[in-house]
């Protein structure tokens, strides 16, 4: 299993509020996209992943209309 620092950004849908909720965590997983699907299990979910430089992976998720971004950076 690979170790990642995961940054989770949740976009605020309130008008005139540009702030986002941001959470940091260290996770172990083989596939970041599958990790996000399991984390958000049981919800109306759309997920897409894009590889980045240095082995990082960005996973975009829309959960019941709420936009979230997960950035996995190898440790």
PDB file of N, CA and C in Angstrom:
ATOM      1  N   UNK A   1       0.843  -1.188   0.000  1.00  0.00           N
ATOM      2  CA  UNK A   1       0.000   0.000   0.000  1.00  0.00           C
ATOM      3  C   UNK A   1       0.884   1.246   0.000  1.00  0.00           C
ATOM      4  N   UNK A   2       0.432   2.238  -0.705  1.00  0.00           N
ATOM      5  CA  UNK A   2       1.148   3.506  -0.756  1.00  0.00           C
ATOM      6  C   UNK A   2       0.632   4.437   0.343  1.00  0.00           C
ATOM      7  N   UNK A   3       1.508   5.294   0.823  1.00  0.00           N
ATOM      8  CA  UNK A   3       1.119   6.299   1.826  1.00  0.00           C
ATOM      9  C   UNK A   3       0.988   7.653   1.129  1.00  0.00           C
ATOM     10  N   UNK A   4      -0.084   8.353   1.465  1.00  0.00           N
ATOM     11  CA  UNK A   4      -0.354   9.657   0.868  1.00  0.00           C
ATOM     12  C   UNK A   4      -0.719  10.678   1.941  1.00  0.00           C
ATOM     13  N   UNK A   5      -0.387  11.934   1.653  1.00  0.00           N
ATOM     14  CA  UNK A   5      -1.006  13.035   2.377  1.00  0.00           C
ATOM     15  C   UNK A   5      -2.234  13.400   1.541  1.00  0.00           C
ATOM     16  N   UNK A   6      -3.392  13.418   2.157  1.00  0.00           N
ATOM     17  CA  UNK A   6      -4.619  13.719   1.434  1.00  0.00           C
ATOM     18  C   UNK A   6      -5.154  15.078   1.889  1.00  0.00           C
ATOM     19  N   UNK A   7      -5.403  15.938   0.917  1.00  0.00           N
ATOM     20  CA  UNK A   7      -6.035  17.226   1.182  1.00  0.00           C
ATOM     21  C   UNK A   7      -7.439  17.150   0.599  1.00  0.00           C
ATOM     22  N   UNK A   8      -8.435  17.385   1.438  1.00  0.00           N
ATOM     23  CA  UNK A   8      -9.838  17.341   1.009  1.00  0.00           C
ATOM     24  C   UNK A   8     -10.406  18.746   1.063  1.00  0.00           C
ATOM     25  N   UNK A   9     -10.859  19.246  -0.081  1.00  0.00           N
ATOM     26  CA  UNK A   9     -11.471  20.572  -0.170  1.00  0.00           C
ATOM     27  C   UNK A   9     -12.957  20.398  -0.485  1.00  0.00           C
ATOM     28  N   UNK A  10     -13.787  21.043   0.302  1.00  0.00           N
ATOM     29  CA  UNK A  10     -15.232  21.010   0.071  1.00  0.00           C
ATOM     30  C   UNK A  10     -15.668  22.432  -0.252  1.00  0.00           C
ATOM     31  N   UNK A  11     -16.167  22.612  -1.463  1.00  0.00           N
ATOM     32  CA  UNK A  11     -16.579  23.939  -1.916  1.00  0.00           C
ATOM     33  C   UNK A  11     -17.826  24.382  -1.164  1.00  0.00           C
ATOM     34  N   UNK A  12     -17.827  25.628  -0.717  1.00  0.00           N
ATOM     35  CA  UNK A  12     -18.978  26.191  -0.018  1.00  0.00           C
ATOM     36  C   UNK A  12     -19.974  26.683  -1.055  1.00  0.00           C
ATOM     37  N   UNK A  13     -21.203  26.204  -0.986  1.00  0.00           N
ATOM     38  CA  UNK A  13     -22.224  26.563  -1.967  1.00  0.00           C
ATOM     39  C   UNK A  13     -23.016  27.814  -1.595  1.00  0.00           C
ATOM     40  N   UNK A  14     -22.720  28.410  -0.442  1.00  0.00           N
ATOM     41  CA  UNK A  14     -23.427  29.624  -0.036  1.00  0.00           C
ATOM     42  C   UNK A  14     -22.966  30.799  -0.904  1.00  0.00           C
ATOM     43  N   UNK A  15     -23.913  31.581  -1.390  1.00  0.00           N
ATOM     44  CA  UNK A  15     -23.555  32.729  -2.211  1.00  0.00           C
ATOM     45  C   UNK A  15     -22.730  33.717  -1.403  1.00  0.00           C
ATOM     46  N   UNK A  16     -21.842  34.414  -2.079  1.00  0.00           N
ATOM     47  CA  UNK A  16     -20.970  35.439  -1.495  1.00  0.00           C
ATOM     48  C   UNK A  16     -20.010  34.888  -0.453  1.00  0.00           C
ATOM     49  N   UNK A  17     -19.821  33.594  -0.394  1.00  0.00           N
ATOM     50  CA  UNK A  17     -18.854  33.000   0.530  1.00  0.00           C
ATOM     51  C   UNK A  17     -17.833  32.230  -0.301  1.00  0.00           C
ATOM     52  N   UNK A  18     -16.622  32.741  -0.390  1.00  0.00           N
ATOM     53  CA  UNK A  18     -15.581  32.136  -1.207  1.00  0.00           C
ATOM     54  C   UNK A  18     -14.724  31.130  -0.437  1.00  0.00           C
ATOM     55  N   UNK A  19     -14.990  30.974   0.851  1.00  0.00           N
ATOM     56  CA  UNK A  19     -14.196  30.067   1.679  1.00  0.00           C
ATOM     57  C   UNK A  19     -14.535  28.613   1.356  1.00  0.00           C
ATOM     58  N   UNK A  20     -13.562  27.744   1.611  1.00  0.00           N
ATOM     59  CA  UNK A  20     -13.749  26.308   1.438  1.00  0.00           C
ATOM     60  C   UNK A  20     -13.370  25.621   2.736  1.00  0.00           C
ATOM     61  N   UNK A  21     -13.996  24.497   3.000  1.00  0.00           N
ATOM     62  CA  UNK A  21     -13.576  23.666   4.115  1.00  0.00           C
ATOM     63  C   UNK A  21     -12.410  22.821   3.609  1.00  0.00           C
ATOM     64  N   UNK A  22     -11.307  22.819   4.351  1.00  0.00           N
ATOM     65  CA  UNK A  22     -10.117  22.086   3.938  1.00  0.00           C
ATOM     66  C   UNK A  22      -9.671  21.199   5.095  1.00  0.00           C
ATOM     67  N   UNK A  23      -9.443  19.917   4.774  1.00  0.00           N
ATOM     68  CA  UNK A  23      -9.017  18.938   5.769  1.00  0.00           C
ATOM     69  C   UNK A  23      -7.757  18.237   5.272  1.00  0.00           C
ATOM     70  N   UNK A  24      -6.838  17.938   6.180  1.00  0.00           N
ATOM     71  CA  UNK A  24      -5.600  17.231   5.865  1.00  0.00           C
ATOM     72  C   UNK A  24      -5.588  15.909   6.617  1.00  0.00           C
ATOM     73  N   UNK A  25      -5.098  14.855   5.953  1.00  0.00           N
ATOM     74  CA  UNK A  25      -5.019  13.554   6.597  1.00  0.00           C
ATOM     75  C   UNK A  25      -3.936  12.733   5.907  1.00  0.00           C
ATOM     76  N   UNK A  26      -3.385  11.762   6.621  1.00  0.00           N
ATOM     77  CA  UNK A  26      -2.463  10.804   6.026  1.00  0.00           C
ATOM     78  C   UNK A  26      -3.212   9.495   5.869  1.00  0.00           C
ATOM     79  N   UNK A  27      -3.172   8.921   4.655  1.00  0.00           N
ATOM     80  CA  UNK A  27      -3.915   7.696   4.377  1.00  0.00           C
ATOM     81  C   UNK A  27      -3.008   6.691   3.674  1.00  0.00           C
ATOM     82  N   UNK A  28      -3.352   5.417   3.813  1.00  0.00           N
ATOM     83  CA  UNK A  28      -2.701   4.339   3.084  1.00  0.00           C
ATOM     84  C   UNK A  28      -3.739   3.704   2.181  1.00  0.00           C
ATOM     85  N   UNK A  29      -3.441   3.630   0.883  1.00  0.00           N
ATOM     86  CA  UNK A  29      -4.357   3.004  -0.058  1.00  0.00           C
ATOM     87  C   UNK A  29      -3.604   2.623  -1.324  1.00  0.00           C
ATOM     88  N   UNK A  30      -4.188   1.694  -2.073  1.00  0.00           N
ATOM     89  CA  UNK A  30      -3.599   1.288  -3.348  1.00  0.00           C
ATOM     90  C   UNK A  30      -4.089   2.159  -4.496  1.00  0.00           C
ATOM     91  N   UNK A  31      -5.332   2.631  -4.386  1.00  0.00           N
ATOM     92  CA  UNK A  31      -5.953   3.391  -5.471  1.00  0.00           C
ATOM     93  C   UNK A  31      -6.745   4.562  -4.881  1.00  0.00           C
ATOM     94  N   UNK A  32      -6.265   5.805  -5.048  1.00  0.00           N
ATOM     95  CA  UNK A  32      -6.972   6.956  -4.478  1.00  0.00           C
ATOM     96  C   UNK A  32      -8.429   7.083  -4.926  1.00  0.00           C
ATOM     97  N   UNK A  33      -8.726   6.779  -6.186  1.00  0.00           N
ATOM     98  CA  UNK A  33     -10.116   6.901  -6.661  1.00  0.00           C
ATOM     99  C   UNK A  33     -11.025   5.914  -5.921  1.00  0.00           C
ATOM    100  N   UNK A  34     -10.574   4.686  -5.743  1.00  0.00           N
ATOM    101  CA  UNK A  34     -11.355   3.699  -4.995  1.00  0.00           C
ATOM    102  C   UNK A  34     -11.498   4.106  -3.535  1.00  0.00           C
ATOM    103  N   UNK A  35     -10.456   4.708  -2.977  1.00  0.00           N
ATOM    104  CA  UNK A  35     -10.512   5.179  -1.589  1.00  0.00           C
ATOM    105  C   UNK A  35     -11.626   6.214  -1.423  1.00  0.00           C
ATOM    106  N   UNK A  36     -11.705   7.162  -2.365  1.00  0.00           N
ATOM    107  CA  UNK A  36     -12.744   8.199  -2.304  1.00  0.00           C
ATOM    108  C   UNK A  36     -14.127   7.583  -2.476  1.00  0.00           C
ATOM    109  N   UNK A  37     -14.262   6.644  -3.406  1.00  0.00           N
ATOM    110  CA  UNK A  37     -15.558   5.975  -3.603  1.00  0.00           C
ATOM    111  C   UNK A  37     -16.001   5.266  -2.326  1.00  0.00           C
ATOM    112  N   UNK A  38     -15.064   4.619  -1.633  1.00  0.00           N
ATOM    113  CA  UNK A  38     -15.402   3.928  -0.390  1.00  0.00           C
ATOM    114  C   UNK A  38     -15.722   4.927   0.726  1.00  0.00           C
ATOM    115  N   UNK A  39     -14.975   6.027   0.774  1.00  0.00           N
ATOM    116  CA  UNK A  39     -15.191   7.057   1.788  1.00  0.00           C
ATOM    117  C   UNK A  39     -16.581   7.685   1.653  1.00  0.00           C
ATOM    118  N   UNK A  40     -17.021   7.911   0.419  1.00  0.00           N
ATOM    119  CA  UNK A  40     -18.291   8.583   0.158  1.00  0.00           C
ATOM    120  C   UNK A  40     -19.386   7.593  -0.217  1.00  0.00           C
ATOM    121  N   UNK A  41     -19.236   6.373   0.166  1.00  0.00           N
ATOM    122  CA  UNK A  41     -20.150   5.287  -0.168  1.00  0.00           C
ATOM    123  C   UNK A  41     -21.581   5.584   0.276  1.00  0.00           C
ATOM    124  N   UNK A  42     -22.534   5.151  -0.544  1.00  0.00           N
ATOM    125  CA  UNK A  42     -23.940   5.314  -0.196  1.00  0.00           C
ATOM    126  C   UNK A  42     -24.522   6.650  -0.602  1.00  0.00           C
ATOM    127  N   UNK A  43     -23.775   7.450  -1.303  1.00  0.00           N
ATOM    128  CA  UNK A  43     -24.249   8.764  -1.736  1.00  0.00           C
ATOM    129  C   UNK A  43     -24.420   8.766  -3.255  1.00  0.00           C
ATOM    130  N   UNK A  44     -25.191   9.718  -3.786  1.00  0.00           N
ATOM    131  CA  UNK A  44     -25.245   9.945  -5.231  1.00  0.00           C
ATOM    132  C   UNK A  44     -23.902  10.551  -5.602  1.00  0.00           C
ATOM    133  N   UNK A  45     -23.106   9.826  -6.366  1.00  0.00           N
ATOM    134  CA  UNK A  45     -21.688  10.147  -6.502  1.00  0.00           C
ATOM    135  C   UNK A  45     -21.216  10.117  -7.947  1.00  0.00           C
ATOM    136  N   UNK A  46     -20.452  11.151  -8.338  1.00  0.00           N
ATOM    137  CA  UNK A  46     -19.738  11.184  -9.611  1.00  0.00           C
ATOM    138  C   UNK A  46     -18.280  11.418  -9.272  1.00  0.00           C
ATOM    139  N   UNK A  47     -17.388  10.577  -9.806  1.00  0.00           N
ATOM    140  CA  UNK A  47     -15.964  10.669  -9.466  1.00  0.00           C
ATOM    141  C   UNK A  47     -15.130  10.622 -10.729  1.00  0.00           C
ATOM    142  N   UNK A  48     -14.096  11.466 -10.786  1.00  0.00           N
ATOM    143  CA  UNK A  48     -13.103  11.398 -11.856  1.00  0.00           C
ATOM    144  C   UNK A  48     -11.735  11.653 -11.240  1.00  0.00           C
ATOM    145  N   UNK A  49     -10.719  11.007 -11.807  1.00  0.00           N
ATOM    146  CA  UNK A  49      -9.358  11.139 -11.279  1.00  0.00           C
ATOM    147  C   UNK A  49      -8.425  11.576 -12.392  1.00  0.00           C
ATOM    148  N   UNK A  50      -7.418  12.360 -12.010  1.00  0.00           N
ATOM    149  CA  UNK A  50      -6.403  12.762 -12.975  1.00  0.00           C
ATOM    150  C   UNK A  50      -5.032  12.672 -12.306  1.00  0.00           C
ATOM    151  N   UNK A  51      -4.087  12.025 -12.976  1.00  0.00           N
ATOM    152  CA  UNK A  51      -2.741  11.916 -12.419  1.00  0.00           C
ATOM    153  C   UNK A  51      -2.013  13.248 -12.498  1.00  0.00           C
ATOM    154  N   UNK A  52      -1.138  13.484 -11.538  1.00  0.00           N
ATOM    155  CA  UNK A  52      -0.335  14.702 -11.517  1.00  0.00           C
ATOM    156  C   UNK A  52       1.144  14.359 -11.539  1.00  0.00           C
ATOM    157  N   UNK A  53       1.957  15.337 -11.348  1.00  0.00           N
ATOM    158  CA  UNK A  53       3.394  15.112 -11.362  1.00  0.00           C
ATOM    159  C   UNK A  53       3.851  14.473 -10.057  1.00  0.00           C
ATOM    160  N   UNK A  54       4.928  13.701 -10.129  1.00  0.00           N
ATOM    161  CA  UNK A  54       5.517  13.113  -8.933  1.00  0.00           C
ATOM    162  C   UNK A  54       4.663  12.057  -8.269  1.00  0.00           C
ATOM    163  N   UNK A  55       3.710  11.462  -8.991  1.00  0.00           N
ATOM    164  CA  UNK A  55       2.878  10.417  -8.429  1.00  0.00           C
ATOM    165  C   UNK A  55       1.639  10.911  -7.710  1.00  0.00           C
ATOM    166  N   UNK A  56       1.392  12.214  -7.738  1.00  0.00           N
ATOM    167  CA  UNK A  56       0.185  12.732  -7.085  1.00  0.00           C
ATOM    168  C   UNK A  56      -1.045  12.420  -7.934  1.00  0.00           C
ATOM    169  N   UNK A  57      -2.194  12.369  -7.277  1.00  0.00           N
ATOM    170  CA  UNK A  57      -3.462  12.096  -7.952  1.00  0.00           C
ATOM    171  C   UNK A  57      -4.497  13.066  -7.405  1.00  0.00           C
ATOM    172  N   UNK A  58      -5.256  13.699  -8.299  1.00  0.00           N
ATOM    173  CA  UNK A  58      -6.360  14.572  -7.896  1.00  0.00           C
ATOM    174  C   UNK A  58      -7.663  13.877  -8.259  1.00  0.00           C
ATOM    175  N   UNK A  59      -8.542  13.740  -7.279  1.00  0.00           N
ATOM    176  CA  UNK A  59      -9.828  13.102  -7.490  1.00  0.00           C
ATOM    177  C   UNK A  59     -10.915  14.153  -7.283  1.00  0.00           C
ATOM    178  N   UNK A  60     -11.739  14.339  -8.295  1.00  0.00           N
ATOM    179  CA  UNK A  60     -12.856  15.279  -8.228  1.00  0.00           C
ATOM    180  C   UNK A  60     -14.122  14.472  -7.964  1.00  0.00           C
ATOM    181  N   UNK A  61     -14.923  14.920  -7.014  1.00  0.00           N
ATOM    182  CA  UNK A  61     -16.150  14.201  -6.671  1.00  0.00           C
ATOM    183  C   UNK A  61     -17.302  15.184  -6.527  1.00  0.00           C
ATOM    184  N   UNK A  62     -18.458  14.791  -7.028  1.00  0.00           N
ATOM    185  CA  UNK A  62     -19.691  15.536  -6.810  1.00  0.00           C
ATOM    186  C   UNK A  62     -20.601  14.595  -6.032  1.00  0.00           C
ATOM    187  N   UNK A  63     -20.933  15.007  -4.806  1.00  0.00           N
ATOM    188  CA  UNK A  63     -21.718  14.179  -3.903  1.00  0.00           C
ATOM    189  C   UNK A  63     -23.017  14.909  -3.593  1.00  0.00           C
ATOM    190  N   UNK A  64     -24.114  14.397  -4.112  1.00  0.00           N
ATOM    191  CA  UNK A  64     -25.416  15.045  -3.903  1.00  0.00           C
ATOM    192  C   UNK A  64     -25.360  16.536  -4.232  1.00  0.00           C
ATOM    193  N   UNK A  65     -24.639  16.905  -5.299  1.00  0.00           N
ATOM    194  CA  UNK A  65     -24.531  18.290  -5.732  1.00  0.00           C
ATOM    195  C   UNK A  65     -23.420  19.076  -5.063  1.00  0.00           C
ATOM    196  N   UNK A  66     -22.741  18.501  -4.082  1.00  0.00           N
ATOM    197  CA  UNK A  66     -21.660  19.179  -3.362  1.00  0.00           C
ATOM    198  C   UNK A  66     -20.323  18.815  -4.012  1.00  0.00           C
ATOM    199  N   UNK A  67     -19.560  19.826  -4.426  1.00  0.00           N
ATOM    200  CA  UNK A  67     -18.304  19.609  -5.136  1.00  0.00           C
ATOM    201  C   UNK A  67     -17.163  19.456  -4.132  1.00  0.00           C
ATOM    202  N   UNK A  68     -16.397  18.358  -4.295  1.00  0.00           N
ATOM    203  CA  UNK A  68     -15.249  18.106  -3.433  1.00  0.00           C
ATOM    204  C   UNK A  68     -14.043  17.758  -4.296  1.00  0.00           C
ATOM    205  N   UNK A  69     -12.866  18.106  -3.785  1.00  0.00           N
ATOM    206  CA  UNK A  69     -11.619  17.753  -4.468  1.00  0.00           C
ATOM    207  C   UNK A  69     -10.696  17.110  -3.452  1.00  0.00           C
ATOM    208  N   UNK A  70     -10.118  15.994  -3.838  1.00  0.00           N
ATOM    209  CA  UNK A  70      -9.165  15.269  -3.003  1.00  0.00           C
ATOM    210  C   UNK A  70      -7.826  15.257  -3.738  1.00  0.00           C
ATOM    211  N   UNK A  71      -6.775  15.735  -3.076  1.00  0.00           N
ATOM    212  CA  UNK A  71      -5.441  15.708  -3.672  1.00  0.00           C
ATOM    213  C   UNK A  71      -4.593  14.753  -2.843  1.00  0.00           C
ATOM    214  N   UNK A  72      -4.114  13.691  -3.499  1.00  0.00           N
ATOM    215  CA  UNK A  72      -3.276  12.676  -2.861  1.00  0.00           C
ATOM    216  C   UNK A  72      -1.833  12.901  -3.294  1.00  0.00           C
ATOM    217  N   UNK A  73      -0.946  13.163  -2.341  1.00  0.00           N
ATOM    218  CA  UNK A  73       0.464  13.372  -2.616  1.00  0.00           C
ATOM    219  C   UNK A  73       1.259  12.291  -1.895  1.00  0.00           C
ATOM    220  N   UNK A  74       2.109  11.542  -2.630  1.00  0.00           N
ATOM    221  CA  UNK A  74       2.882  10.489  -1.983  1.00  0.00           C
ATOM    222  C   UNK A  74       3.787  11.047  -0.883  1.00  0.00           C
ATOM    223  N   UNK A  75       3.902  10.277   0.193  1.00  0.00           N
ATOM    224  CA  UNK A  75       4.775  10.685   1.312  1.00  0.00           C
ATOM    225  C   UNK A  75       6.121  10.016   1.126  1.00  0.00           C
TER     226      UNK A  75
END
